[in-house]
Amino acid sequence: MGPYNLELTPWEMLILRDDMKERLKYNRGFVPEELAIWRKIEALHEQLERDEADYKKVESKDTKST
């Protein structure tokens, strides 16, 4: 990977996540700059999973109450 922009949009982070997972398989690690990006991406991914789970809970409560 080339020069890095640590200020990625959430969409760019999710796209880059798959690429970085592939790199991790073959390279067994990241350089410090890549690691900083990876940590941001993983934090975003975890937040999106929590948000989705919360949304599903709210949706299921709404359908039960109607």
PDB file of N, CA and C in Angstrom:
ATOM      1  N   MET A   1       0.844  -1.168   0.000  1.00  0.00           N
ATOM      2  CA  MET A   1       0.000   0.000   0.000  1.00  0.00           C
ATOM      3  C   MET A   1       0.896   1.240   0.000  1.00  0.00           C
ATOM      4  N   GLY A   2       0.386   2.304  -0.555  1.00  0.00           N
ATOM      5  CA  GLY A   2       1.183   3.505  -0.716  1.00  0.00           C
ATOM      6  C   GLY A   2       1.033   4.473   0.426  1.00  0.00           C
ATOM      7  N   PRO A   3       1.210   5.748   0.130  1.00  0.00           N
ATOM      8  CA  PRO A   3       1.052   6.764   1.176  1.00  0.00           C
ATOM      9  C   PRO A   3      -0.372   6.740   1.730  1.00  0.00           C
ATOM     10  N   TYR A   4      -0.487   7.002   3.007  1.00  0.00           N
ATOM     11  CA  TYR A   4      -1.771   6.822   3.672  1.00  0.00           C
ATOM     12  C   TYR A   4      -2.434   8.137   4.008  1.00  0.00           C
ATOM     13  N   ASN A   5      -3.732   8.116   3.945  1.00  0.00           N
ATOM     14  CA  ASN A   5      -4.551   9.224   4.401  1.00  0.00           C
ATOM     15  C   ASN A   5      -5.301   8.703   5.615  1.00  0.00           C
ATOM     16  N   LEU A   6      -4.937   9.184   6.789  1.00  0.00           N
ATOM     17  CA  LEU A   6      -5.578   8.682   8.008  1.00  0.00           C
ATOM     18  C   LEU A   6      -6.994   9.195   8.168  1.00  0.00           C
ATOM     19  N   GLU A   7      -7.394  10.157   7.355  1.00  0.00           N
ATOM     20  CA  GLU A   7      -8.747  10.702   7.422  1.00  0.00           C
ATOM     21  C   GLU A   7      -9.580  10.122   6.285  1.00  0.00           C
ATOM     22  N   LEU A   8     -10.041   8.918   6.467  1.00  0.00           N
ATOM     23  CA  LEU A   8     -10.864   8.251   5.467  1.00  0.00           C
ATOM     24  C   LEU A   8     -12.333   8.410   5.826  1.00  0.00           C
ATOM     25  N   THR A   9     -13.183   8.380   4.825  1.00  0.00           N
ATOM     26  CA  THR A   9     -14.617   8.384   5.093  1.00  0.00           C
ATOM     27  C   THR A   9     -15.008   6.998   5.593  1.00  0.00           C
ATOM     28  N   PRO A  10     -16.120   6.880   6.296  1.00  0.00           N
ATOM     29  CA  PRO A  10     -16.559   5.555   6.743  1.00  0.00           C
ATOM     30  C   PRO A  10     -16.702   4.569   5.580  1.00  0.00           C
ATOM     31  N   TRP A  11     -17.197   5.042   4.452  1.00  0.00           N
ATOM     32  CA  TRP A  11     -17.362   4.167   3.292  1.00  0.00           C
ATOM     33  C   TRP A  11     -16.005   3.651   2.817  1.00  0.00           C
ATOM     34  N   GLU A  12     -15.019   4.536   2.744  1.00  0.00           N
ATOM     35  CA  GLU A  12     -13.673   4.139   2.328  1.00  0.00           C
ATOM     36  C   GLU A  12     -13.076   3.138   3.310  1.00  0.00           C
ATOM     37  N   MET A  13     -13.353   3.340   4.596  1.00  0.00           N
ATOM     38  CA  MET A  13     -12.825   2.420   5.602  1.00  0.00           C
ATOM     39  C   MET A  13     -13.387   1.018   5.420  1.00  0.00           C
ATOM     40  N   LEU A  14     -14.674   0.930   5.142  1.00  0.00           N
ATOM     41  CA  LEU A  14     -15.278  -0.387   4.986  1.00  0.00           C
ATOM     42  C   LEU A  14     -14.762  -1.089   3.739  1.00  0.00           C
ATOM     43  N   ILE A  15     -14.518  -0.339   2.679  1.00  0.00           N
ATOM     44  CA  ILE A  15     -13.957  -0.929   1.463  1.00  0.00           C
ATOM     45  C   ILE A  15     -12.524  -1.378   1.729  1.00  0.00           C
ATOM     46  N   LEU A  16     -11.751  -0.540   2.387  1.00  0.00           N
ATOM     47  CA  LEU A  16     -10.357  -0.837   2.668  1.00  0.00           C
ATOM     48  C   LEU A  16     -10.216  -2.005   3.637  1.00  0.00           C
ATOM     49  N   ARG A  17     -11.203  -2.227   4.484  1.00  0.00           N
ATOM     50  CA  ARG A  17     -11.136  -3.297   5.488  1.00  0.00           C
ATOM     51  C   ARG A  17     -10.906  -4.654   4.839  1.00  0.00           C
ATOM     52  N   ASP A  18     -11.637  -4.954   3.790  1.00  0.00           N
ATOM     53  CA  ASP A  18     -11.472  -6.242   3.116  1.00  0.00           C
ATOM     54  C   ASP A  18     -10.076  -6.381   2.518  1.00  0.00           C
ATOM     55  N   ASP A  19      -9.582  -5.307   1.913  1.00  0.00           N
ATOM     56  CA  ASP A  19      -8.230  -5.340   1.350  1.00  0.00           C
ATOM     57  C   ASP A  19      -7.185  -5.571   2.433  1.00  0.00           C
ATOM     58  N   MET A  20      -7.363  -4.908   3.554  1.00  0.00           N
ATOM     59  CA  MET A  20      -6.382  -5.038   4.630  1.00  0.00           C
ATOM     60  C   MET A  20      -6.451  -6.414   5.282  1.00  0.00           C
ATOM     61  N   LYS A  21      -7.639  -7.007   5.335  1.00  0.00           N
ATOM     62  CA  LYS A  21      -7.755  -8.370   5.869  1.00  0.00           C
ATOM     63  C   LYS A  21      -6.962  -9.342   5.005  1.00  0.00           C
ATOM     64  N   GLU A  22      -7.034  -9.163   3.689  1.00  0.00           N
ATOM     65  CA  GLU A  22      -6.258 -10.005   2.776  1.00  0.00           C
ATOM     66  C   GLU A  22      -4.764  -9.811   3.008  1.00  0.00           C
ATOM     67  N   ARG A  23      -4.340  -8.566   3.130  1.00  0.00           N
ATOM     68  CA  ARG A  23      -2.920  -8.275   3.388  1.00  0.00           C
ATOM     69  C   ARG A  23      -2.469  -8.911   4.686  1.00  0.00           C
ATOM     70  N   LEU A  24      -3.311  -8.849   5.701  1.00  0.00           N
ATOM     71  CA  LEU A  24      -2.962  -9.396   7.008  1.00  0.00           C
ATOM     72  C   LEU A  24      -2.727 -10.899   6.920  1.00  0.00           C
ATOM     73  N   LYS A  25      -3.524 -11.577   6.090  1.00  0.00           N
ATOM     74  CA  LYS A  25      -3.358 -13.020   5.908  1.00  0.00           C
ATOM     75  C   LYS A  25      -1.967 -13.361   5.391  1.00  0.00           C
ATOM     76  N   TYR A  26      -1.502 -12.591   4.429  1.00  0.00           N
ATOM     77  CA  TYR A  26      -0.256 -12.928   3.754  1.00  0.00           C
ATOM     78  C   TYR A  26       0.975 -12.269   4.358  1.00  0.00           C
ATOM     79  N   ASN A  27       0.824 -11.129   5.011  1.00  0.00           N
ATOM     80  CA  ASN A  27       1.981 -10.399   5.532  1.00  0.00           C
ATOM     81  C   ASN A  27       2.190 -10.580   7.025  1.00  0.00           C
ATOM     82  N   ARG A  28       1.221 -11.140   7.718  1.00  0.00           N
ATOM     83  CA  ARG A  28       1.290 -11.408   9.156  1.00  0.00           C
ATOM     84  C   ARG A  28       1.521 -10.159   9.999  1.00  0.00           C
ATOM     85  N   GLY A  29       1.008  -9.041   9.552  1.00  0.00           N
ATOM     86  CA  GLY A  29       1.123  -7.832  10.354  1.00  0.00           C
ATOM     87  C   GLY A  29       1.122  -6.578   9.510  1.00  0.00           C
ATOM     88  N   PHE A  30       1.095  -5.459  10.191  1.00  0.00           N
ATOM     89  CA  PHE A  30       1.063  -4.163   9.531  1.00  0.00           C
ATOM     90  C   PHE A  30       2.218  -3.307  10.023  1.00  0.00           C
ATOM     91  N   VAL A  31       2.640  -2.380   9.189  1.00  0.00           N
ATOM     92  CA  VAL A  31       3.580  -1.349   9.642  1.00  0.00           C
ATOM     93  C   VAL A  31       2.776  -0.388  10.518  1.00  0.00           C
ATOM     94  N   PRO A  32       3.443   0.419  11.352  1.00  0.00           N
ATOM     95  CA  PRO A  32       2.703   1.287  12.285  1.00  0.00           C
ATOM     96  C   PRO A  32       1.638   2.162  11.628  1.00  0.00           C
ATOM     97  N   GLU A  33       1.918   2.704  10.469  1.00  0.00           N
ATOM     98  CA  GLU A  33       0.943   3.565   9.799  1.00  0.00           C
ATOM     99  C   GLU A  33      -0.297   2.758   9.385  1.00  0.00           C
ATOM    100  N   GLU A  34      -0.077   1.542   8.892  1.00  0.00           N
ATOM    101  CA  GLU A  34      -1.197   0.672   8.524  1.00  0.00           C
ATOM    102  C   GLU A  34      -1.976   0.261   9.762  1.00  0.00           C
ATOM    103  N   LEU A  35      -1.269   0.006  10.851  1.00  0.00           N
ATOM    104  CA  LEU A  35      -1.922  -0.417  12.088  1.00  0.00           C
ATOM    105  C   LEU A  35      -2.859   0.669  12.610  1.00  0.00           C
ATOM    106  N   ALA A  36      -2.453   1.923  12.498  1.00  0.00           N
ATOM    107  CA  ALA A  36      -3.316   3.032  12.929  1.00  0.00           C
ATOM    108  C   ALA A  36      -4.604   3.046  12.114  1.00  0.00           C
ATOM    109  N   ILE A  37      -4.479   2.843  10.819  1.00  0.00           N
ATOM    110  CA  ILE A  37      -5.660   2.798   9.952  1.00  0.00           C
ATOM    111  C   ILE A  37      -6.517   1.590  10.309  1.00  0.00           C
ATOM    112  N   TRP A  38      -5.893   0.440  10.505  1.00  0.00           N
ATOM    113  CA  TRP A  38      -6.620  -0.792  10.830  1.00  0.00           C
ATOM    114  C   TRP A  38      -7.435  -0.620  12.105  1.00  0.00           C
ATOM    115  N   ARG A  39      -6.853   0.004  13.111  1.00  0.00           N
ATOM    116  CA  ARG A  39      -7.569   0.210  14.375  1.00  0.00           C
ATOM    117  C   ARG A  39      -8.783   1.112  14.189  1.00  0.00           C
ATOM    118  N   LYS A  40      -8.641   2.154  13.382  1.00  0.00           N
ATOM    119  CA  LYS A  40      -9.780   3.033  13.097  1.00  0.00           C
ATOM    120  C   LYS A  40     -10.880   2.268  12.368  1.00  0.00           C
ATOM    121  N   ILE A  41     -10.473   1.461  11.403  1.00  0.00           N
ATOM    122  CA  ILE A  41     -11.441   0.694  10.618  1.00  0.00           C
ATOM    123  C   ILE A  41     -12.181  -0.291  11.511  1.00  0.00           C
ATOM    124  N   GLU A  42     -11.461  -0.996  12.359  1.00  0.00           N
ATOM    125  CA  GLU A  42     -12.094  -1.979  13.235  1.00  0.00           C
ATOM    126  C   GLU A  42     -13.028  -1.307  14.236  1.00  0.00           C
ATOM    127  N   ALA A  43     -12.651  -0.146  14.750  1.00  0.00           N
ATOM    128  CA  ALA A  43     -13.530   0.582  15.673  1.00  0.00           C
ATOM    129  C   ALA A  43     -14.823   0.980  14.965  1.00  0.00           C
ATOM    130  N   LEU A  44     -14.706   1.451  13.729  1.00  0.00           N
ATOM    131  CA  LEU A  44     -15.894   1.813  12.954  1.00  0.00           C
ATOM    132  C   LEU A  44     -16.765   0.585  12.705  1.00  0.00           C
ATOM    133  N   HIS A  45     -16.143  -0.519  12.336  1.00  0.00           N
ATOM    134  CA  HIS A  45     -16.892  -1.741  12.043  1.00  0.00           C
ATOM    135  C   HIS A  45     -17.646  -2.226  13.290  1.00  0.00           C
ATOM    136  N   GLU A  46     -16.984  -2.201  14.434  1.00  0.00           N
ATOM    137  CA  GLU A  46     -17.638  -2.616  15.680  1.00  0.00           C
ATOM    138  C   GLU A  46     -18.814  -1.699  16.012  1.00  0.00           C
ATOM    139  N   GLN A  47     -18.632  -0.400  15.806  1.00  0.00           N
ATOM    140  CA  GLN A  47     -19.714   0.549  16.069  1.00  0.00           C
ATOM    141  C   GLN A  47     -20.900   0.291  15.141  1.00  0.00           C
ATOM    142  N   LEU A  48     -20.623   0.024  13.879  1.00  0.00           N
ATOM    143  CA  LEU A  48     -21.705  -0.261  12.935  1.00  0.00           C
ATOM    144  C   LEU A  48     -22.458  -1.535  13.314  1.00  0.00           C
ATOM    145  N   GLU A  49     -21.733  -2.549  13.790  1.00  0.00           N
ATOM    146  CA  GLU A  49     -22.392  -3.783  14.226  1.00  0.00           C
ATOM    147  C   GLU A  49     -23.284  -3.523  15.441  1.00  0.00           C
ATOM    148  N   ARG A  50     -22.796  -2.715  16.394  1.00  0.00           N
ATOM    149  CA  ARG A  50     -23.617  -2.381  17.571  1.00  0.00           C
ATOM    150  C   ARG A  50     -24.852  -1.593  17.157  1.00  0.00           C
ATOM    151  N   ASP A  51     -24.665  -0.626  16.257  1.00  0.00           N
ATOM    152  CA  ASP A  51     -25.801   0.173  15.784  1.00  0.00           C
ATOM    153  C   ASP A  51     -26.836  -0.698  15.094  1.00  0.00           C
ATOM    154  N   GLU A  52     -26.374  -1.652  14.290  1.00  0.00           N
ATOM    155  CA  GLU A  52     -27.297  -2.539  13.588  1.00  0.00           C
ATOM    156  C   GLU A  52     -28.061  -3.417  14.576  1.00  0.00           C
ATOM    157  N   ALA A  53     -27.371  -3.926  15.585  1.00  0.00           N
ATOM    158  CA  ALA A  53     -28.033  -4.747  16.598  1.00  0.00           C
ATOM    159  C   ALA A  53     -29.072  -3.929  17.361  1.00  0.00           C
ATOM    160  N   ASP A  54     -28.729  -2.699  17.715  1.00  0.00           N
ATOM    161  CA  ASP A  54     -29.684  -1.825  18.409  1.00  0.00           C
ATOM    162  C   ASP A  54     -30.895  -1.540  17.532  1.00  0.00           C
ATOM    163  N   TYR A  55     -30.660  -1.284  16.267  1.00  0.00           N
ATOM    164  CA  TYR A  55     -31.750  -1.006  15.330  1.00  0.00           C
ATOM    165  C   TYR A  55     -32.683  -2.212  15.217  1.00  0.00           C
ATOM    166  N   LYS A  56     -32.101  -3.404  15.150  1.00  0.00           N
ATOM    167  CA  LYS A  56     -32.926  -4.612  15.046  1.00  0.00           C
ATOM    168  C   LYS A  56     -33.769  -4.808  16.302  1.00  0.00           C
ATOM    169  N   LYS A  57     -33.208  -4.478  17.473  1.00  0.00           N
ATOM    170  CA  LYS A  57     -33.971  -4.586  18.716  1.00  0.00           C
ATOM    171  C   LYS A  57     -35.163  -3.639  18.694  1.00  0.00           C
ATOM    172  N   VAL A  58     -34.929  -2.415  18.268  1.00  0.00           N
ATOM    173  CA  VAL A  58     -35.999  -1.418  18.206  1.00  0.00           C
ATOM    174  C   VAL A  58     -37.059  -1.855  17.203  1.00  0.00           C
ATOM    175  N   GLU A  59     -36.628  -2.343  16.055  1.00  0.00           N
ATOM    176  CA  GLU A  59     -37.571  -2.797  15.030  1.00  0.00           C
ATOM    177  C   GLU A  59     -38.417  -3.959  15.537  1.00  0.00           C
ATOM    178  N   SER A  60     -37.793  -4.903  16.240  1.00  0.00           N
ATOM    179  CA  SER A  60     -38.560  -6.050  16.730  1.00  0.00           C
ATOM    180  C   SER A  60     -39.559  -5.611  17.805  1.00  0.00           C
ATOM    181  N   LYS A  61     -39.197  -4.645  18.630  1.00  0.00           N
ATOM    182  CA  LYS A  61     -40.132  -4.126  19.638  1.00  0.00           C
ATOM    183  C   LYS A  61     -41.294  -3.409  18.968  1.00  0.00           C
ATOM    184  N   ASP A  62     -40.999  -2.654  17.902  1.00  0.00           N
ATOM    185  CA  ASP A  62     -42.046  -1.932  17.181  1.00  0.00           C
ATOM    186  C   ASP A  62     -43.032  -2.886  16.525  1.00  0.00           C
ATOM    187  N   THR A  63     -42.553  -3.976  15.959  1.00  0.00           N
ATOM    188  CA  THR A  63     -43.457  -4.906  15.280  1.00  0.00           C
ATOM    189  C   THR A  63     -44.289  -5.692  16.288  1.00  0.00           C
ATOM    190  N   LYS A  64     -43.743  -5.937  17.484  1.00  0.00           N
ATOM    191  CA  LYS A  64     -44.499  -6.655  18.506  1.00  0.00           C
ATOM    192  C   LYS A  64     -45.602  -5.790  19.102  1.00  0.00           C
ATOM    193  N   SER A  65     -45.357  -4.488  19.192  1.00  0.00           N
ATOM    194  CA  SER A  65     -46.337  -3.606  19.827  1.00  0.00           C
ATOM    195  C   SER A  65     -47.472  -3.209  18.894  1.00  0.00           C
ATOM    196  N   THR A  66     -47.315  -3.429  17.596  1.00  0.00           N
ATOM    197  CA  THR A  66     -48.393  -3.044  16.673  1.00  0.00           C
ATOM    198  C   THR A  66     -49.300  -4.192  16.361  1.00  0.00           C
TER     199      THR A  66
END
